[in-house]
Every structure is written in C-alpha cells, then in structure tokens.
C-alpha cells in the first residue's frame, strides 16, 4: 500500500533570460499549469520574490534577475454536497459520469468544488494516494470533457485498477465531433506529444515528446463535420485534441487546438470542445470479471450534434 505524502511547499529558482519581461507573464510562461490570475495572487501574497525582495506583477525583469517562487500546497479536500451521476457502485469502486466544467481534483487555483470534493461527500473513506489531494483518483478527464471515470474506494481496488491502466487493459471510447471529412474512415494516428516549445500552455507533436497512439473510426458523416469514435491507446495530455488537429480534423469547439469561434456562435449551446468519454471497460476488483459501461451524450452535445447535422 502506498504511503500518502503530505503536500509540501515547492520552491523554484529561476534566472530571467532577458530584460523587459513582465514578472507575472514570465512566470505564467514557465509554469503553464497555473493561471496568470493565480500567479498574480502569489506575487501579491509574497510567494514570488525578485532578488529576494517583494515585487509587483507588473515589474519589468532585468537580465539575470533571480526569481524565487514558492508554491503553497492545496488544502486537503473536504466533502461538498455536489450532485454525482453514479453509473455503478460496489464495495470497491464507483463509476461516475463526470459533467463538463468540473475539475477532477484540487489544485492551485481550484481548491474546492472539484470531483474529489463531491465524492468525499458520498464516500468519506476513499483509497489513499501518494498525493493526499487526490483520494480515489486513478485517471483523469479534462475539465471540459464529460464522461465516465472510475473511482477507487480502497487501496486494494486502487492498485488493481492502476495495474490495468499501466498494462493498457482498460478499454476507453470517446465520441468526438470534428470539422471535415476524415478519410480513410478508420485509422491510427501515431505521433509523439510533448509541451509546445513556442507556447508552454499547449501540447504539440514534437520529436522529444512521449510516444502517443490514437485510433479513430467514423460513426457518421454530417454536413461538413464528422462524428468519430476515438480510442486512445496511450494517455498523453490533450492527446485526442492534438492528434486530430495534427491530421487536419480539429475537434469542434476546441479553441486551443482547432476550430474558429464562429462555431460557438452558430451553436450557442456548445460552450466547450465536443469530446465525451462514453465507454469504459475493465476488470472489476471484486470478481476479476470484465465489465463495460457506457453513458449517452449529455444534453449540450446532443443539441449541438443536431444543429451541426442540419447545417448546410
């Protein structure tokens, strides 16, 4: 059983590469996992220093300025009465349908109102983790991706499921709407994914990235769009979005890697990328028998699909 570790304050030391950069902008580029607003908050609270002195977010850096960043740990999550869509439950696991807009676990800038907070209200005792802020969490979905997730209630179930993810024994299926008409109707995209060297907040296909493989199959051609079933064989950050955009078929509603903003204006119900984790299959810890779970498209994606299907 993994022994959970108490979150600690992380300290980073940086040297300004050139003069003239705003402090908050530079730190946001170096630490893309944090919002600029959160970084500005850290500066105001004295967690970010320049040459061991307090600073302002707007301060212009000079050559070789020494920047010290202390990142405080998120507070241990507490139970919150947030509704959960539970697809399946036994003594070992929960399978839930995560709504779009819900962050999976607490992190800097998202200290509360996460999926973990909701699960703790339903099940106060969850499997431990090396990170105490992520009890029960085995895998993740992006904030704006809806669909199925497994939650471990105890340490045995957690390790049992972690082993299945590591050996690629878990079946994952996503419904994805893309712009264009992919041809051939099925295929596999294989290209390494890593941080975009020109924009640290994005992922990209890079020679130094990690191996990534995505299988796709056309489910339905629409008028200028295509509904795909996508099966990621690996689990890289933003993998589906990066791979489909790279072959010329960006995900509808994805403003980071793909489509134009006019798509959102045309389908006002669509406020996010059209990705839904609709299928999840694995062996149950209690019986070792394979079970597969599915969940339908949520209302916003159903309505968007209808509108795009009738677009001339």
Protein backbone atom coordinates (compact mmCIF):
# COMPACT_ATOMS: atom_id res chain seq x y z
CA UNK A 1 0.00 0.00 0.00
CA UNK A 2 1.36 3.41 -0.96
CA UNK A 3 2.02 5.72 1.95
CA UNK A 4 0.39 9.08 1.25
CA UNK A 5 2.68 12.06 1.46
CA UNK A 6 1.69 15.37 2.97
CA UNK A 7 1.71 18.08 0.30
CA UNK A 8 4.69 20.41 0.71
CA UNK A 9 5.51 23.91 -0.42
CA UNK A 10 7.50 23.66 -3.63
CA UNK A 11 10.31 26.17 -4.22
CA UNK A 12 11.71 27.05 -7.65
CA UNK A 13 14.67 29.26 -8.52
CA UNK A 14 14.74 30.96 -11.94
CA UNK A 15 17.03 33.41 -13.69
CA UNK A 16 15.44 35.98 -16.01
CA UNK A 17 16.69 35.24 -19.56
CA UNK A 18 16.31 38.78 -20.96
CA UNK A 19 15.35 42.27 -19.80
CA UNK A 20 11.93 43.81 -20.17
CA UNK A 21 9.68 40.82 -19.39
CA UNK A 22 6.76 41.37 -17.01
CA UNK A 23 7.17 39.25 -13.91
CA UNK A 24 3.68 37.71 -13.99
CA UNK A 25 3.84 36.97 -17.72
CA UNK A 26 7.24 35.32 -17.47
CA UNK A 27 6.23 33.08 -14.56
CA UNK A 28 2.99 32.13 -16.38
CA UNK A 29 5.04 31.00 -19.39
CA UNK A 30 7.38 28.96 -17.22
CA UNK A 31 4.53 27.41 -15.20
CA UNK A 32 1.69 26.91 -17.73
CA UNK A 33 -0.28 24.72 -15.31
CA UNK A 34 -1.16 27.85 -13.32
CA UNK A 35 -3.40 30.69 -14.47
CA UNK A 36 -1.96 34.19 -14.69
CA UNK A 37 -4.52 35.34 -12.11
CA UNK A 38 -3.27 32.72 -9.66
CA UNK A 39 0.35 33.76 -10.27
CA UNK A 40 -0.59 37.40 -9.64
CA UNK A 41 -2.18 36.29 -6.36
CA UNK A 42 1.06 34.52 -5.36
CA UNK A 43 3.04 37.67 -6.12
CA UNK A 44 0.69 39.81 -4.03
CA UNK A 45 0.93 37.38 -1.10
CA UNK A 46 4.74 37.37 -1.20
CA UNK A 47 5.27 33.86 -2.55
CA UNK A 48 7.20 35.16 -5.57
CA UNK A 49 10.30 37.31 -4.99
CA UNK A 50 12.76 39.05 -7.29
CA UNK A 51 16.31 39.17 -5.95
CA UNK A 52 14.87 38.11 -2.57
CA UNK A 53 12.66 41.22 -2.47
CA UNK A 54 8.88 41.52 -2.76
CA UNK A 55 7.69 42.57 -6.19
CA UNK A 56 4.66 43.63 -8.23
CA UNK A 57 3.08 41.60 -11.01
CA UNK A 58 3.83 44.39 -13.50
CA UNK A 59 7.51 44.66 -12.55
CA UNK A 60 9.85 44.51 -15.54
CA UNK A 61 12.64 42.00 -15.12
CA UNK A 62 16.30 42.73 -15.79
CA UNK A 63 18.97 40.42 -17.19
CA UNK A 64 19.88 37.71 -14.66
CA UNK A 65 17.30 38.75 -12.06
CA UNK A 66 16.84 35.92 -9.57
CA UNK A 67 13.19 34.86 -9.23
CA UNK A 68 12.19 32.71 -6.26
CA UNK A 69 8.79 31.01 -6.48
CA UNK A 70 7.16 29.24 -3.55
CA UNK A 71 4.07 27.28 -4.50
CA UNK A 72 1.94 26.54 -1.42
CA UNK A 73 0.25 23.12 -1.33
CA UNK A 74 -3.51 22.97 -1.87
CA UNK A 75 -5.54 22.33 1.26
CA UNK A 76 -6.65 18.76 1.94
CA UNK A 77 -10.04 18.37 0.22
CA UNK A 78 -13.24 18.42 2.24
CA UNK A 79 -16.64 16.96 1.42
CA UNK A 80 -19.03 19.16 -0.55
CA UNK A 81 -22.67 18.32 -1.41
CA UNK A 82 -22.18 18.34 -5.19
CA UNK A 83 -24.54 16.03 -7.16
CA UNK A 84 -22.97 12.92 -8.71
CA UNK A 85 -24.23 10.83 -11.62
CA UNK A 86 -23.32 7.33 -10.41
CA UNK A 87 -23.43 4.66 -13.13
CA UNK A 88 -22.24 1.75 -11.00
CA UNK A 89 -21.15 1.15 -7.41
CA UNK A 90 -19.94 -1.78 -5.32
CA UNK A 91 -17.74 -2.18 -2.25
CA UNK A 92 -14.58 -1.39 -4.24
CA UNK A 93 -15.36 1.23 -6.86
CA UNK A 94 -17.59 3.94 -8.21
CA UNK A 95 -18.16 4.56 -11.91
CA UNK A 96 -19.40 8.10 -12.40
CA UNK A 97 -20.43 10.26 -15.34
CA UNK A 98 -18.43 13.47 -14.84
CA UNK A 99 -20.12 16.61 -16.17
CA UNK A 100 -18.22 19.13 -18.27
CA UNK A 101 -16.89 22.07 -16.29
CA UNK A 102 -15.98 20.05 -13.19
CA UNK A 103 -12.28 19.85 -12.30
CA UNK A 104 -11.25 16.35 -11.17
CA UNK A 105 -9.13 17.17 -8.10
CA UNK A 106 -7.99 20.22 -6.10
CA UNK A 107 -5.03 22.16 -7.45
CA UNK A 108 -3.68 25.70 -7.17
CA UNK A 109 -6.48 27.93 -8.37
CA UNK A 110 -9.09 25.17 -7.85
CA UNK A 111 -9.01 24.49 -4.14
CA UNK A 112 -12.64 23.38 -3.89
CA UNK A 113 -15.76 22.38 -5.84
CA UNK A 114 -14.00 19.51 -7.61
CA UNK A 115 -14.99 15.92 -8.31
CA UNK A 116 -12.94 14.80 -5.30
CA UNK A 117 -14.94 17.10 -3.02
CA UNK A 118 -18.17 15.63 -4.39
CA UNK A 119 -17.01 12.01 -3.98
CA UNK A 120 -15.92 12.59 -0.38
CA UNK A 121 -19.48 13.67 0.44
CA UNK A 122 -20.79 10.39 -0.96
CA UNK A 123 -17.99 8.15 0.31
CA UNK A 124 -15.90 9.72 3.13
CA UNK A 125 -13.37 6.85 3.09
CA UNK A 126 -11.51 6.61 -0.20
CA UNK A 127 -8.35 4.89 -1.41
CA UNK A 128 -5.16 6.71 -0.44
CA UNK A 129 -2.77 8.19 -2.96
CA UNK A 130 0.78 9.45 -2.97
CA UNK A 131 -0.88 12.86 -3.19
CA UNK A 132 -3.37 13.43 -0.36
CA UNK A 133 -5.34 15.86 -2.51
CA UNK A 134 -6.34 13.06 -4.92
CA UNK A 135 -8.00 10.30 -2.86
CA UNK A 136 -9.65 7.65 -5.03
CA UNK A 137 -8.41 9.14 -8.28
CA UNK A 138 -6.83 6.72 -10.78
CA UNK A 139 -7.20 8.58 -14.07
CA UNK A 140 -8.44 11.99 -15.18
CA UNK A 141 -10.56 13.80 -17.74
CA UNK A 142 -10.04 17.41 -18.81
CA UNK A 143 -12.24 19.94 -17.05
CA UNK A 144 -14.36 20.47 -20.18
CA UNK A 145 -14.57 16.79 -21.14
CA UNK A 146 -17.60 14.87 -19.90
CA UNK A 147 -17.98 11.15 -19.35
CA UNK A 148 -17.02 8.03 -17.46
CA UNK A 149 -14.43 7.79 -14.69
CA UNK A 150 -13.54 5.06 -12.19
CA UNK A 151 -13.06 5.94 -8.51
CA UNK A 152 -11.32 3.54 -6.09
CA UNK A 153 -12.87 3.18 -2.64
CA UNK A 154 -10.00 1.22 -1.08
CA UNK A 155 -6.27 0.68 -1.59
CA UNK A 156 -6.65 -2.85 -3.00
CA UNK A 157 -9.03 -1.62 -5.70
CA UNK A 158 -6.78 1.33 -6.49
CA UNK A 159 -3.71 -0.83 -7.12
CA UNK A 160 -5.76 -3.42 -9.03
CA UNK A 161 -7.03 -0.74 -11.40
CA UNK A 162 -3.72 1.11 -11.67
CA UNK A 163 -2.16 -2.13 -12.91
CA UNK A 164 -4.82 -2.41 -15.62
CA UNK A 165 -4.19 1.15 -16.81
CA UNK A 166 -0.42 0.55 -16.89
CA UNK A 167 -0.83 -2.61 -18.98
CA UNK A 168 -3.31 -0.89 -21.34
CA UNK A 169 -6.01 -3.39 -20.36
CA UNK A 170 -8.65 -0.68 -19.87
CA UNK A 171 -10.94 -0.03 -22.85
CA UNK A 172 -11.72 3.65 -23.45
CA UNK A 173 -14.05 5.06 -26.08
CA UNK A 174 -14.81 8.72 -26.83
CA UNK A 175 -17.41 10.34 -29.07
CA UNK A 176 -15.78 13.29 -30.83
CA UNK A 177 -17.16 15.72 -33.40
CA UNK A 178 -14.56 17.08 -35.81
CA UNK A 179 -14.57 19.58 -38.63
CA UNK A 180 -14.10 18.00 -42.05
CA UNK A 181 -14.50 14.52 -43.54
CA UNK A 182 -11.71 12.17 -42.40
CA UNK A 183 -10.50 9.69 -44.98
CA UNK A 184 -9.94 6.77 -44.69
CA UNK A 185 -12.91 6.08 -42.42
CA UNK A 186 -10.70 4.45 -39.83
CA UNK A 187 -7.08 4.72 -38.90
CA UNK A 188 -4.41 5.12 -36.25
CA UNK A 189 -2.53 8.33 -35.52
CA UNK A 190 0.94 7.75 -34.11
CA UNK A 191 3.00 10.80 -33.20
CA UNK A 192 4.90 11.80 -30.03
CA UNK A 193 3.35 14.50 -27.83
CA UNK A 194 5.12 16.97 -25.55
CA UNK A 195 4.98 20.60 -24.45
CA UNK A 196 4.79 23.08 -27.33
CA UNK A 197 8.22 24.77 -27.30
CA UNK A 198 6.61 28.02 -28.51
CA UNK A 199 3.70 28.03 -26.04
CA UNK A 200 4.13 26.18 -22.75
CA UNK A 201 0.37 26.18 -22.12
CA UNK A 202 -0.20 23.94 -25.14
CA UNK A 203 0.82 20.43 -26.11
CA UNK A 204 2.21 19.63 -29.55
CA UNK A 205 3.69 16.89 -31.68
CA UNK A 206 7.43 17.12 -31.04
CA UNK A 207 10.43 14.89 -31.67
CA UNK A 208 11.24 14.93 -27.96
CA UNK A 209 7.68 14.11 -26.89
CA UNK A 210 6.36 10.85 -25.44
CA UNK A 211 5.02 8.08 -27.66
CA UNK A 212 1.30 8.51 -28.35
CA UNK A 213 -1.20 6.46 -30.35
CA UNK A 214 -4.84 7.24 -31.16
CA UNK A 215 -7.28 5.04 -33.07
CA UNK A 216 -10.36 6.54 -34.74
CA UNK A 217 -13.38 5.30 -36.70
CA UNK A 218 -16.11 7.27 -38.47
CA UNK A 219 -19.55 6.82 -36.94
CA UNK A 220 -21.42 9.35 -39.05
CA UNK A 221 -20.66 11.90 -41.74
CA UNK A 222 -22.58 15.16 -41.34
CA UNK A 223 -22.64 18.34 -43.43
CA UNK A 224 -19.01 19.37 -43.23
CA UNK A 225 -18.45 17.60 -39.92
CA UNK A 226 -17.88 14.03 -38.77
CA UNK A 227 -18.79 12.16 -35.60
CA UNK A 228 -15.93 9.85 -34.63
CA UNK A 229 -15.40 7.09 -32.12
CA UNK A 230 -11.90 7.60 -30.78
CA UNK A 231 -9.85 5.12 -28.75
CA UNK A 232 -6.62 6.48 -27.27
CA UNK A 233 -4.08 3.70 -26.84
CA UNK A 234 -1.91 5.93 -24.66
CA UNK A 235 -2.86 8.64 -22.18
CA UNK A 236 -0.99 11.83 -23.02
CA UNK A 237 -2.26 15.26 -22.03
CA UNK A 238 -4.76 16.59 -24.62
CA UNK A 239 -3.90 13.59 -26.82
CA UNK A 240 -7.16 13.36 -28.77
CA UNK A 241 -7.29 17.09 -29.46
CA UNK A 242 -3.63 17.34 -30.53
CA UNK A 243 -3.67 14.25 -32.77
CA UNK A 244 -6.90 15.07 -34.61
CA UNK A 245 -5.84 18.67 -35.15
CA UNK A 246 -2.48 17.47 -36.50
CA UNK A 247 -4.12 15.44 -39.28
CA UNK A 248 -6.38 18.32 -40.26
CA UNK A 249 -9.61 17.44 -38.45
CA UNK A 250 -9.80 19.65 -35.34
CA UNK A 251 -12.33 18.99 -32.61
CA UNK A 252 -15.39 21.21 -32.86
CA UNK A 253 -15.48 23.79 -30.05
CA UNK A 254 -11.78 23.43 -29.24
CA UNK A 255 -10.45 26.99 -29.17
CA UNK A 256 -6.92 25.91 -28.23
CA UNK A 257 -6.07 23.43 -30.97
CA UNK A 258 -8.77 23.85 -33.53
CA UNK A 259 -11.93 25.41 -34.74
CA UNK A 260 -13.00 29.00 -35.20
CA UNK A 261 -15.04 30.93 -32.67
CA UNK A 262 -17.89 31.29 -35.17
CA UNK A 263 -18.80 27.65 -34.50
CA UNK A 264 -19.79 28.56 -30.95
CA UNK A 265 -21.88 31.45 -32.21
CA UNK A 266 -23.70 29.15 -34.61
CA UNK A 267 -24.40 26.53 -31.91
CA UNK A 268 -24.83 28.65 -28.80
CA UNK A 269 -25.44 25.55 -26.67
CA UNK A 270 -21.84 24.37 -27.27
CA UNK A 271 -19.52 26.05 -24.76
CA UNK A 272 -16.70 23.52 -24.87
CA UNK A 273 -14.89 21.00 -27.04
CA UNK A 274 -17.10 18.19 -28.33
CA UNK A 275 -15.50 15.23 -26.52
CA UNK A 276 -17.42 12.72 -24.40
CA UNK A 277 -15.94 9.62 -22.72
CA UNK A 278 -18.90 7.35 -23.40
CA UNK A 279 -17.37 3.88 -22.98
CA UNK A 280 -15.12 2.38 -20.28
CA UNK A 281 -14.29 -1.29 -19.82
CA UNK A 282 -12.11 -3.03 -17.22
CA UNK A 283 -11.96 -5.99 -14.83
CA UNK A 284 -13.79 -5.50 -11.54
CA UNK A 285 -11.52 -5.77 -8.47
CA UNK A 286 -14.17 -7.83 -6.65
CA UNK A 287 -14.63 -10.58 -9.29
CA UNK A 288 -11.85 -10.15 -11.87
CA UNK A 289 -14.63 -10.23 -14.49
CA UNK A 290 -14.58 -7.78 -17.39
CA UNK A 291 -17.37 -5.20 -17.35
CA UNK A 292 -18.04 -2.46 -19.84
CA UNK A 293 -20.01 0.69 -19.03
CA UNK A 294 -21.48 3.31 -21.34
CA UNK A 295 -23.23 6.64 -20.92
CA UNK A 296 -25.11 8.73 -23.52
CA UNK A 297 -24.16 12.13 -24.81
CA UNK A 298 -25.11 14.91 -22.38
CA UNK A 299 -27.80 17.40 -23.38
CA UNK A 300 -25.44 20.12 -24.63
CA UNK A 301 -23.65 17.77 -27.03
CA UNK A 302 -26.91 16.18 -28.24
CA UNK A 303 -28.28 19.61 -29.10
CA UNK A 304 -25.03 20.67 -30.78
CA UNK A 305 -24.94 17.47 -32.84
CA UNK A 306 -28.47 18.12 -34.05
CA UNK A 307 -27.60 21.68 -35.08
CA UNK A 308 -24.40 20.71 -36.87
CA UNK A 309 -26.17 17.85 -38.67
CA UNK A 310 -28.63 20.29 -40.21
CA UNK A 311 -26.05 22.92 -41.12
CA UNK A 312 -25.92 23.49 -44.84
